[in-house]
C-alpha atoms as a PDB file:
ATOM      1  CA  MET A   1     100.198  63.948 122.487  1.00  0.00           C
ATOM      2  CA  LYS A   2     100.453  67.348 124.184  1.00  0.00           C
ATOM      3  CA  ARG A   3      97.538  69.654 124.905  1.00  0.00           C
ATOM      4  CA  TYR A   4      98.219  73.382 125.155  1.00  0.00           C
ATOM      5  CA  ARG A   5      96.345  76.542 126.032  1.00  0.00           C
ATOM      6  CA  ILE A   6      97.816  79.589 124.300  1.00  0.00           C
ATOM      7  CA  LYS A   7      96.930  83.125 125.335  1.00  0.00           C
ATOM      8  CA  HIS A   8      98.323  85.877 123.112  1.00  0.00           C
ATOM      9  CA  SER A   9      97.677  89.531 123.976  1.00  0.00           C
ATOM     10  CA  THR A  10      98.671  92.557 121.899  1.00  0.00           C
ATOM     11  CA  TRP A  11      97.872  95.899 123.570  1.00  0.00           C
ATOM     12  CA  TYR A  12      98.293  99.439 122.252  1.00  0.00           C
ATOM     13  CA  GLY A  13      97.980 102.560 124.381  1.00  0.00           C
ATOM     14  CA  PHE A  14      97.412 105.841 122.522  1.00  0.00           C
ATOM     15  CA  ASN A  15      97.953 109.471 123.523  1.00  0.00           C
ATOM     16  CA  GLY A  16      94.386 110.450 122.733  1.00  0.00           C
ATOM     17  CA  GLU A  17      91.397 109.392 120.687  1.00  0.00           C
ATOM     18  CA  THR A  18      92.570 107.253 117.775  1.00  0.00           C
ATOM     19  CA  SER A  19      90.843 105.743 114.738  1.00  0.00           C
ATOM     20  CA  LEU A  20      91.769 102.200 113.737  1.00  0.00           C
ATOM     21  CA  ASP A  21      92.253 101.171 110.126  1.00  0.00           C
ATOM     22  CA  PRO A  22      91.606  97.533 109.129  1.00  0.00           C
ATOM     23  CA  HIS A  23      93.938  95.040 110.806  1.00  0.00           C
ATOM     24  CA  TRP A  24      95.134  91.682 109.490  1.00  0.00           C
ATOM     25  CA  LEU A  25      95.679  89.115 112.247  1.00  0.00           C
ATOM     26  CA  ARG A  26      97.771  85.957 111.837  1.00  0.00           C
ATOM     27  CA  ILE A  27      97.467  84.429 115.293  1.00  0.00           C
ATOM     28  CA  ARG A  28      95.466  81.233 114.731  1.00  0.00           C
ATOM     29  CA  PRO A  29      97.756  78.161 114.638  1.00  0.00           C
ATOM     30  CA  ARG A  30      97.954  76.090 111.469  1.00  0.00           C
ATOM     31  CA  GLU A  31      96.005  72.837 111.683  1.00  0.00           C
ATOM     32  CA  ASP A  32      97.647  69.765 110.183  1.00  0.00           C
ATOM     33  CA  HIS A  33      97.813  66.006 110.674  1.00  0.00           C
ATOM     34  CA  ASP A  34      99.701  66.624 113.941  1.00  0.00           C
ATOM     35  CA  VAL A  35      97.935  69.789 115.189  1.00  0.00           C
ATOM     36  CA  ARG A  36      94.217  69.977 115.982  1.00  0.00           C
ATOM     37  CA  ILE A  37      92.490  73.073 117.385  1.00  0.00           C
ATOM     38  CA  LEU A  38      89.924  72.246 120.079  1.00  0.00           C
ATOM     39  CA  SER A  39      88.675  75.781 120.722  1.00  0.00           C
ATOM     40  CA  ALA A  40      89.586  79.308 119.697  1.00  0.00           C
ATOM     41  CA  THR A  41      88.325  82.760 120.651  1.00  0.00           C
ATOM     42  CA  LEU A  42      89.338  86.182 119.385  1.00  0.00           C
ATOM     43  CA  THR A  43      88.393  89.176 121.545  1.00  0.00           C
ATOM     44  CA  LEU A  44      88.912  92.712 120.288  1.00  0.00           C
ATOM     45  CA  SER A  45      88.584  95.846 122.402  1.00  0.00           C
ATOM     46  CA  PRO A  46      87.051  98.029 121.107  1.00  0.00           C
ATOM     47  CA  PRO A  47      84.857  95.467 119.330  1.00  0.00           C
ATOM     48  CA  ALA A  48      85.261  95.286 115.571  1.00  0.00           C
ATOM     49  CA  SER A  49      82.378  96.314 113.352  1.00  0.00           C
ATOM     50  CA  ASN A  50      83.212  93.368 111.121  1.00  0.00           C
ATOM     51  CA  VAL A  51      85.573  90.383 111.243  1.00  0.00           C
ATOM     52  CA  ARG A  52      86.091  88.063 108.320  1.00  0.00           C
ATOM     53  CA  TRP A  53      88.399  85.082 107.968  1.00  0.00           C
ATOM     54  CA  TYR A  54      90.119  83.723 104.902  1.00  0.00           C
ATOM     55  CA  ARG A  55      92.954  81.397 103.875  1.00  0.00           C
ATOM     56  CA  ASP A  56      95.816  83.147 102.097  1.00  0.00           C
ATOM     57  CA  VAL A  57      97.967  81.681  99.313  1.00  0.00           C
ATOM     58  CA  GLU A  58     100.042  79.790 101.901  1.00  0.00           C
ATOM     59  CA  ASN A  59      96.891  78.367 103.536  1.00  0.00           C
ATOM     60  CA  ASN A  60      97.420  80.520 106.626  1.00  0.00           C
ATOM     61  CA  SER A  61      94.327  81.572 108.601  1.00  0.00           C
ATOM     62  CA  VAL A  62      93.966  85.351 108.454  1.00  0.00           C
ATOM     63  CA  ALA A  63      91.380  87.470 110.265  1.00  0.00           C
ATOM     64  CA  VAL A  64      90.584  90.917 108.869  1.00  0.00           C
ATOM     65  CA  ALA A  65      89.081  93.218 111.505  1.00  0.00           C
ATOM     66  CA  GLU A  66      87.379  96.534 110.662  1.00  0.00           C
ATOM     67  CA  PHE A  67      86.535  99.214 113.234  1.00  0.00           C
ATOM     68  CA  ASP A  68      84.212 102.212 113.423  1.00  0.00           C
ATOM     69  CA  THR A  69      84.758 103.214 117.071  1.00  0.00           C
ATOM     70  CA  PRO A  70      87.623 105.570 118.043  1.00  0.00           C
ATOM     71  CA  CYS A  71      89.568 104.484 121.119  1.00  0.00           C
ATOM     72  CA  ASN A  72      92.341 105.405 123.545  1.00  0.00           C
ATOM     73  CA  GLU A  73      93.583 101.834 123.818  1.00  0.00           C
ATOM     74  CA  PHE A  74      93.313  98.745 121.648  1.00  0.00           C
ATOM     75  CA  GLU A  75      93.717  95.085 122.619  1.00  0.00           C
ATOM     76  CA  ILE A  76      93.800  91.938 120.504  1.00  0.00           C
ATOM     77  CA  LEU A  77      93.372  88.822 122.646  1.00  0.00           C
ATOM     78  CA  SER A  78      93.580  85.329 121.158  1.00  0.00           C
ATOM     79  CA  GLU A  79      92.933  82.227 123.281  1.00  0.00           C
ATOM     80  CA  VAL A  80      93.399  78.798 121.726  1.00  0.00           C
ATOM     81  CA  GLU A  81      93.368  75.244 123.031  1.00  0.00           C
ATOM     82  CA  LEU A  82      94.923  72.626 120.800  1.00  0.00           C
ATOM     83  CA  GLU A  83      96.348  69.131 120.639  1.00  0.00           C
ATOM     84  CA  HIS A  84      99.813  68.592 119.226  1.00  0.00           C
ATOM     85  CA  PHE A  85     100.480  64.941 118.519  1.00  0.00           C
ATOM     86  CA  ASP A  86     103.948  63.619 119.261  1.00  0.00           C
ATOM     87  CA  GLN A  87     105.959  62.883 116.167  1.00  0.00           C
ATOM     88  CA  HIS A  88     109.656  62.258 116.675  1.00  0.00           C
ATOM     89  CA  PRO A  89     111.560  64.968 114.792  1.00  0.00           C
ATOM     90  CA  LEU A  90     113.777  62.361 113.117  1.00  0.00           C
ATOM     91  CA  ASP A  91     110.953  59.973 112.228  1.00  0.00           C
ATOM     92  CA  PHE A  92     111.050  60.524 108.476  1.00  0.00           C
ATOM     93  CA  LEU A  93     112.482  58.994 105.308  1.00  0.00           C
ATOM     94  CA  VAL A  94     114.256  60.764 102.481  1.00  0.00           C
ATOM     95  CA  GLU A  95     113.832  59.717  98.868  1.00  0.00           C
ATOM     96  CA  ASP A  96     116.889  57.807  97.649  1.00  0.00           C
ATOM     97  CA  TYR A  97     117.798  60.448  95.081  1.00  0.00           C
ATOM     98  CA  ALA A  98     117.889  63.172  97.744  1.00  0.00           C
ATOM     99  CA  VAL A  99     119.860  61.400 100.491  1.00  0.00           C
ATOM    100  CA  ALA A 100     123.287  62.569  99.302  1.00  0.00           C
ATOM    101  CA  TYR A 101     123.979  66.229  98.593  1.00  0.00           C
ATOM    102  CA  PRO A 102     123.794  67.696  95.998  1.00  0.00           C
ATOM    103  CA  PHE A 103     120.583  66.452  94.406  1.00  0.00           C
ATOM    104  CA  ASP A 104     117.986  67.760  91.957  1.00  0.00           C
ATOM    105  CA  TYR A 105     114.335  68.193  92.871  1.00  0.00           C
ATOM    106  CA  LEU A 106     111.890  66.492  90.539  1.00  0.00           C
ATOM    107  CA  GLU A 107     110.752  68.878  87.812  1.00  0.00           C
ATOM    108  CA  GLU A 108     107.114  68.649  88.900  1.00  0.00           C
ATOM    109  CA  ASP A 109     108.095  69.546  92.463  1.00  0.00           C
ATOM    110  CA  ARG A 110     110.258  72.440  91.276  1.00  0.00           C
ATOM    111  CA  VAL A 111     107.259  74.058  89.587  1.00  0.00           C
ATOM    112  CA  VAL A 112     105.432  74.250  92.926  1.00  0.00           C
ATOM    113  CA  LEU A 113     108.527  75.031  94.989  1.00  0.00           C
ATOM    114  CA  ASN A 114     109.908  77.712  92.672  1.00  0.00           C
ATOM    115  CA  PRO A 115     109.060  80.690  94.971  1.00  0.00           C
ATOM    116  CA  TYR A 116     111.071  79.091  97.780  1.00  0.00           C
ATOM    117  CA  PHE A 117     114.381  78.915  95.927  1.00  0.00           C
ATOM    118  CA  ALA A 118     117.048  81.629  95.954  1.00  0.00           C
ATOM    119  CA  ALA A 119     116.317  84.727  93.911  1.00  0.00           C
ATOM    120  CA  GLY A 120     119.492  86.326  92.572  1.00  0.00           C
ATOM    121  CA  GLU A 121     123.109  86.076  93.615  1.00  0.00           C
ATOM    122  CA  SER A 122     124.167  85.608  97.227  1.00  0.00           C
ATOM    123  CA  SER A 123     126.501  88.076  98.895  1.00  0.00           C
ATOM    124  CA  GLU A 124     130.189  87.375  99.399  1.00  0.00           C
ATOM    125  CA  ALA A 125     129.676  87.440 103.169  1.00  0.00           C
ATOM    126  CA  LEU A 126     127.018  84.733 102.983  1.00  0.00           C
ATOM    127  CA  THR A 127     128.958  82.495 100.601  1.00  0.00           C
ATOM    128  CA  GLN A 128     132.054  82.783 102.794  1.00  0.00           C
ATOM    129  CA  TRP A 129     130.097  81.875 105.922  1.00  0.00           C
ATOM    130  CA  ILE A 130     128.650  78.821 104.168  1.00  0.00           C
ATOM    131  CA  ALA A 131     132.152  77.824 102.998  1.00  0.00           C
ATOM    132  CA  ASN A 132     133.359  77.982 106.600  1.00  0.00           C
ATOM    133  CA  CYS A 133     130.628  75.491 107.510  1.00  0.00           C
ATOM    134  CA  TRP A 134     131.166  73.196 104.511  1.00  0.00           C
ATOM    135  CA  ASP A 135     133.999  73.481 102.002  1.00  0.00           C
ATOM    136  CA  GLY A 136     132.130  71.925  99.082  1.00  0.00           C
ATOM    137  CA  GLU A 137     134.538  68.995  98.739  1.00  0.00           C
ATOM    138  CA  GLU A 138     133.418  66.954 101.741  1.00  0.00           C
ATOM    139  CA  ALA A 139     130.925  64.175 100.966  1.00  0.00           C
ATOM    140  CA  ILE A 140     127.807  64.858 102.993  1.00  0.00           C
ATOM    141  CA  GLN A 141     124.169  63.856 103.202  1.00  0.00           C
ATOM    142  CA  SER A 142     121.476  66.454 102.579  1.00  0.00           C
ATOM    143  CA  TYR A 143     120.060  66.235 106.093  1.00  0.00           C
ATOM    144  CA  GLY A 144     123.547  66.384 107.595  1.00  0.00           C
ATOM    145  CA  LEU A 145     124.306  69.598 105.724  1.00  0.00           C
ATOM    146  CA  LEU A 146     121.015  71.179 106.771  1.00  0.00           C
ATOM    147  CA  ARG A 147     121.646  70.245 110.382  1.00  0.00           C
ATOM    148  CA  ARG A 148     125.219  71.541 110.295  1.00  0.00           C
ATOM    149  CA  LEU A 149     124.123  74.995 109.163  1.00  0.00           C
ATOM    150  CA  CYS A 150     121.402  75.035 111.822  1.00  0.00           C
ATOM    151  CA  ASP A 151     123.929  74.142 114.518  1.00  0.00           C
ATOM    152  CA  ALA A 152     126.420  76.722 113.214  1.00  0.00           C
ATOM    153  CA  ILE A 153     123.956  79.560 113.751  1.00  0.00           C
ATOM    154  CA  GLU A 154     122.988  78.370 117.229  1.00  0.00           C
ATOM    155  CA  THR A 155     126.618  78.101 118.375  1.00  0.00           C
ATOM    156  CA  GLY A 156     128.144  80.969 116.421  1.00  0.00           C
ATOM    157  CA  PHE A 157     125.774  83.873 117.060  1.00  0.00           C
ATOM    158  CA  GLU A 158     124.461  85.724 120.105  1.00  0.00           C
ATOM    159  CA  TYR A 159     120.708  85.698 120.608  1.00  0.00           C
ATOM    160  CA  ASN A 160     119.050  89.058 121.253  1.00  0.00           C
ATOM    161  CA  VAL A 161     115.416  89.885 121.922  1.00  0.00           C
ATOM    162  CA  ARG A 162     114.581  92.658 119.460  1.00  0.00           C
ATOM    163  CA  GLU A 163     111.290  94.429 120.129  1.00  0.00           C
ATOM    164  CA  GLU A 164     111.523  96.693 117.092  1.00  0.00           C
ATOM    165  CA  PRO A 165     109.719  95.511 113.953  1.00  0.00           C
ATOM    166  CA  GLY A 166     111.464  94.222 110.863  1.00  0.00           C
ATOM    167  CA  VAL A 167     113.976  91.518 110.055  1.00  0.00           C
ATOM    168  CA  GLN A 168     117.733  91.878 109.683  1.00  0.00           C
ATOM    169  CA  THR A 169     119.211  90.927 106.345  1.00  0.00           C
ATOM    170  CA  PRO A 170     121.516  87.898 106.392  1.00  0.00           C
ATOM    171  CA  GLU A 171     124.451  90.270 105.876  1.00  0.00           C
ATOM    172  CA  GLU A 172     123.455  92.381 108.881  1.00  0.00           C
ATOM    173  CA  THR A 173     123.228  89.287 111.081  1.00  0.00           C
ATOM    174  CA  LEU A 174     126.610  88.047 109.851  1.00  0.00           C
ATOM    175  CA  SER A 175     128.186  91.455 110.485  1.00  0.00           C
ATOM    176  CA  LEU A 176     126.654  91.927 113.934  1.00  0.00           C
ATOM    177  CA  GLY A 177     127.127  88.337 115.043  1.00  0.00           C
ATOM    178  CA  SER A 178     123.768  88.539 116.779  1.00  0.00           C
ATOM    179  CA  GLY A 179     120.053  88.629 116.129  1.00  0.00           C
ATOM    180  CA  SER A 180     116.590  87.506 117.123  1.00  0.00           C
ATOM    181  CA  CYS A 181     114.891  84.242 116.237  1.00  0.00           C
ATOM    182  CA  ARG A 182     113.427  85.775 113.075  1.00  0.00           C
ATOM    183  CA  ASP A 183     116.866  87.088 112.059  1.00  0.00           C
ATOM    184  CA  PHE A 184     118.407  83.645 112.538  1.00  0.00           C
ATOM    185  CA  ALA A 185     115.606  82.031 110.545  1.00  0.00           C
ATOM    186  CA  ASN A 186     116.157  84.532 107.740  1.00  0.00           C
ATOM    187  CA  LEU A 187     119.907  83.815 107.681  1.00  0.00           C
ATOM    188  CA  TYR A 188     119.309  80.073 107.648  1.00  0.00           C
ATOM    189  CA  ILE A 189     116.801  80.342 104.797  1.00  0.00           C
ATOM    190  CA  ALA A 190     119.233  82.404 102.720  1.00  0.00           C
ATOM    191  CA  ALA A 191     122.038  79.901 103.339  1.00  0.00           C
ATOM    192  CA  VAL A 192     120.116  76.762 102.425  1.00  0.00           C
ATOM    193  CA  ARG A 193     118.541  78.454  99.400  1.00  0.00           C
ATOM    194  CA  HIS A 194     122.046  79.333  98.215  1.00  0.00           C
ATOM    195  CA  LEU A 195     122.800  75.602  98.344  1.00  0.00           C
ATOM    196  CA  GLY A 196     119.743  74.798  96.227  1.00  0.00           C
ATOM    197  CA  PHE A 197     117.195  73.825  98.872  1.00  0.00           C
ATOM    198  CA  ALA A 198     113.604  75.074  98.907  1.00  0.00           C
ATOM    199  CA  ALA A 199     112.970  76.883 102.200  1.00  0.00           C
ATOM    200  CA  ARG A 200     110.346  79.087 103.838  1.00  0.00           C
ATOM    201  CA  PHE A 201     109.843  81.179 106.974  1.00  0.00           C
ATOM    202  CA  VAL A 202     107.613  80.056 109.852  1.00  0.00           C
ATOM    203  CA  SER A 203     106.158  82.176 112.646  1.00  0.00           C
ATOM    204  CA  GLY A 204     104.559  80.522 115.631  1.00  0.00           C
ATOM    205  CA  TYR A 205     104.821  79.734 119.318  1.00  0.00           C
ATOM    206  CA  LEU A 206     107.282  77.721 121.389  1.00  0.00           C
ATOM    207  CA  PHE A 207     106.532  75.917 124.647  1.00  0.00           C
ATOM    208  CA  VAL A 208     109.599  75.672 126.868  1.00  0.00           C
ATOM    209  CA  PRO A 209     109.620  73.076 129.695  1.00  0.00           C
ATOM    210  CA  PRO A 210     110.098  72.284 132.552  1.00  0.00           C
ATOM    211  CA  GLY A 211     107.562  74.745 133.988  1.00  0.00           C
ATOM    212  CA  PRO A 212     103.842  74.131 133.336  1.00  0.00           C
ATOM    213  CA  GLU A 213     103.561  77.698 132.002  1.00  0.00           C
ATOM    214  CA  PHE A 214     105.919  79.644 129.761  1.00  0.00           C
ATOM    215  CA  PHE A 215     105.852  83.423 129.504  1.00  0.00           C
ATOM    216  CA  GLY A 216     107.516  84.742 126.387  1.00  0.00           C
ATOM    217  CA  THR A 217     106.905  85.940 122.884  1.00  0.00           C
ATOM    218  CA  THR A 218     106.180  84.492 119.512  1.00  0.00           C
ATOM    219  CA  HIS A 219     108.897  82.415 117.887  1.00  0.00           C
ATOM    220  CA  ALA A 220     110.250  81.955 114.372  1.00  0.00           C
ATOM    221  CA  TRP A 221     112.091  79.192 112.540  1.00  0.00           C
ATOM    222  CA  ALA A 222     112.546  77.791 109.028  1.00  0.00           C
ATOM    223  CA  GLU A 223     111.202  74.869 107.041  1.00  0.00           C
ATOM    224  CA  VAL A 224     113.052  73.070 104.251  1.00  0.00           C
ATOM    225  CA  TYR A 225     111.360  70.825 101.718  1.00  0.00           C
ATOM    226  CA  ILE A 226     113.100  67.435 101.731  1.00  0.00           C
ATOM    227  CA  PRO A 227     111.835  64.927  99.136  1.00  0.00           C
ATOM    228  CA  GLY A 228     110.139  62.048 100.925  1.00  0.00           C
ATOM    229  CA  ALA A 229     109.991  63.908 104.241  1.00  0.00           C
ATOM    230  CA  GLY A 230     108.102  67.020 103.145  1.00  0.00           C
ATOM    231  CA  TRP A 231     108.475  70.356 104.896  1.00  0.00           C
ATOM    232  CA  LYS A 232     110.784  69.814 107.896  1.00  0.00           C
ATOM    233  CA  GLY A 233     111.309  72.486 110.522  1.00  0.00           C
ATOM    234  CA  PHE A 234     114.787  73.666 111.564  1.00  0.00           C
ATOM    235  CA  ASP A 235     115.154  76.061 114.505  1.00  0.00           C
ATOM    236  CA  PRO A 236     118.543  77.807 114.256  1.00  0.00           C
ATOM    237  CA  THR A 237     117.917  79.679 117.506  1.00  0.00           C
ATOM    238  CA  SER A 238     118.093  76.417 119.463  1.00  0.00           C
ATOM    239  CA  GLY A 239     119.910  74.286 116.877  1.00  0.00           C
ATOM    240  CA  GLU A 240     117.047  71.787 116.938  1.00  0.00           C
ATOM    241  CA  ILE A 241     114.728  70.070 114.519  1.00  0.00           C
ATOM    242  CA  THR A 242     111.245  71.308 115.383  1.00  0.00           C
ATOM    243  CA  GLY A 243     108.997  69.028 117.385  1.00  0.00           C
ATOM    244  CA  VAL A 244     105.941  68.945 119.595  1.00  0.00           C
ATOM    245  CA  ALA A 245     106.963  72.148 121.422  1.00  0.00           C
ATOM    246  CA  HIS A 246     106.889  74.183 118.193  1.00  0.00           C
ATOM    247  CA  ILE A 247     103.415  75.389 117.221  1.00  0.00           C
ATOM    248  CA  PRO A 248     103.317  76.941 113.727  1.00  0.00           C
ATOM    249  CA  VAL A 249     100.961  79.822 112.969  1.00  0.00           C
ATOM    250  CA  ALA A 250     101.947  81.119 109.528  1.00  0.00           C
ATOM    251  CA  VAL A 251     104.402  80.248 106.763  1.00  0.00           C
ATOM    252  CA  ALA A 252     105.686  82.480 103.982  1.00  0.00           C
ATOM    253  CA  ARG A 253     108.358  82.901 101.347  1.00  0.00           C
ATOM    254  CA  ASN A 254     109.593  86.059 103.084  1.00  0.00           C
ATOM    255  CA  PRO A 255     109.433  86.831 106.831  1.00  0.00           C
ATOM    256  CA  GLU A 256     108.163  90.376 106.275  1.00  0.00           C
ATOM    257  CA  SER A 257     104.866  89.107 104.838  1.00  0.00           C
ATOM    258  CA  VAL A 258     103.515  87.318 107.938  1.00  0.00           C
ATOM    259  CA  PRO A 259     103.610  89.612 111.000  1.00  0.00           C
ATOM    260  CA  PRO A 260     101.161  88.425 113.683  1.00  0.00           C
ATOM    261  CA  VAL A 261      99.429  91.832 113.653  1.00  0.00           C
ATOM    262  CA  GLU A 262      99.384  94.128 110.639  1.00  0.00           C
ATOM    263  CA  GLY A 263      97.507  97.409 110.418  1.00  0.00           C
ATOM    264  CA  SER A 264      97.612 101.145 111.040  1.00  0.00           C
ATOM    265  CA  PHE A 265      95.836 103.836 113.039  1.00  0.00           C
ATOM    266  CA  LEU A 266      95.272 107.587 112.897  1.00  0.00           C
ATOM    267  CA  GLY A 267      95.576 109.721 116.004  1.00  0.00           C
ATOM    268  CA  PRO A 268      97.928 111.807 118.160  1.00  0.00           C
ATOM    269  CA  GLU A 269     101.614 111.069 117.818  1.00  0.00           C
ATOM    270  CA  GLY A 270     103.054 108.399 120.094  1.00  0.00           C
ATOM    271  CA  SER A 271     101.823 105.018 121.297  1.00  0.00           C
ATOM    272  CA  THR A 272     102.781 102.192 123.651  1.00  0.00           C
ATOM    273  CA  LEU A 273     102.882  98.513 122.667  1.00  0.00           C
ATOM    274  CA  LYS A 274     102.783  95.554 125.047  1.00  0.00           C
ATOM    275  CA  VAL A 275     102.789  91.932 123.862  1.00  0.00           C
ATOM    276  CA  GLY A 276     102.349  88.877 126.058  1.00  0.00           C
ATOM    277  CA  VAL A 277     102.249  85.172 125.248  1.00  0.00           C
ATOM    278  CA  TRP A 278     101.345  82.549 127.845  1.00  0.00           C
ATOM    279  CA  ILE A 279     101.485  78.855 126.946  1.00  0.00           C
ATOM    280  CA  THR A 280     100.125  76.318 129.428  1.00  0.00           C
ATOM    281  CA  LEU A 281     100.595  72.565 129.179  1.00  0.00           C
ATOM    282  CA  LEU A 282      97.258  70.983 130.088  1.00  0.00           C
ATOM    283  CA  GLU A 283      96.621  67.566 131.575  1.00  0.00           C
ATOM    284  CA  GLY A 284      95.285  64.833 129.324  1.00  0.00           C
END
């Protein structure tokens, strides 16, 4: 079991007095059988006139903050302590019918998973990239195919830190040969959906050893629903199956729908954004 303290700061500097519209915040980690939140605080400056929490359709925790005080700067500070219980990434079983690829999901499962399948035809660029990874004739297990595509992104593309908002399309990532973690997750999701798997986008945090503290940003990866194993995380940025170092915050069908901070403001043109994430591994 690992115990973490996560500090996540989002700071805006404005060029004059600015009014804040409501903001939607997705910065509280998802609790599950392997993640337990011990304490959590959310500090807003200026203070919000009202903050309400709700669970969205994906069971993500969302805070909605409303403001009535104009400001010249705005900070969102989340501090969370949690326990993440060790579960070996490969400690799972796959239902017999889903071990070998291809397989069919049970009809009852397909009803629930329907939003996570491919919508429409895939591009020629994507289908060709998949064919380069697996020719369709080779006998392969479902997990082996999922892992191969994950590895292919990690080894075949250049990682870039992109500060600008938005997510590249799979075709843009294939053309550029580079992208951020969210771009790689989006490409991976498109590829496995093309092959008939149910997949979704995950935003969260990543602790990187060996140092006791990691300074970085939020992270993104993908989850695929494997019968018998459930939703399993695949991180195409590192080519790894997700484990105790990956801390999920929000899941969604599309990456654009779960930004950590979502909102708008009205004021003079121009603003400065600074984001910091500090993750500390605690004793005990």
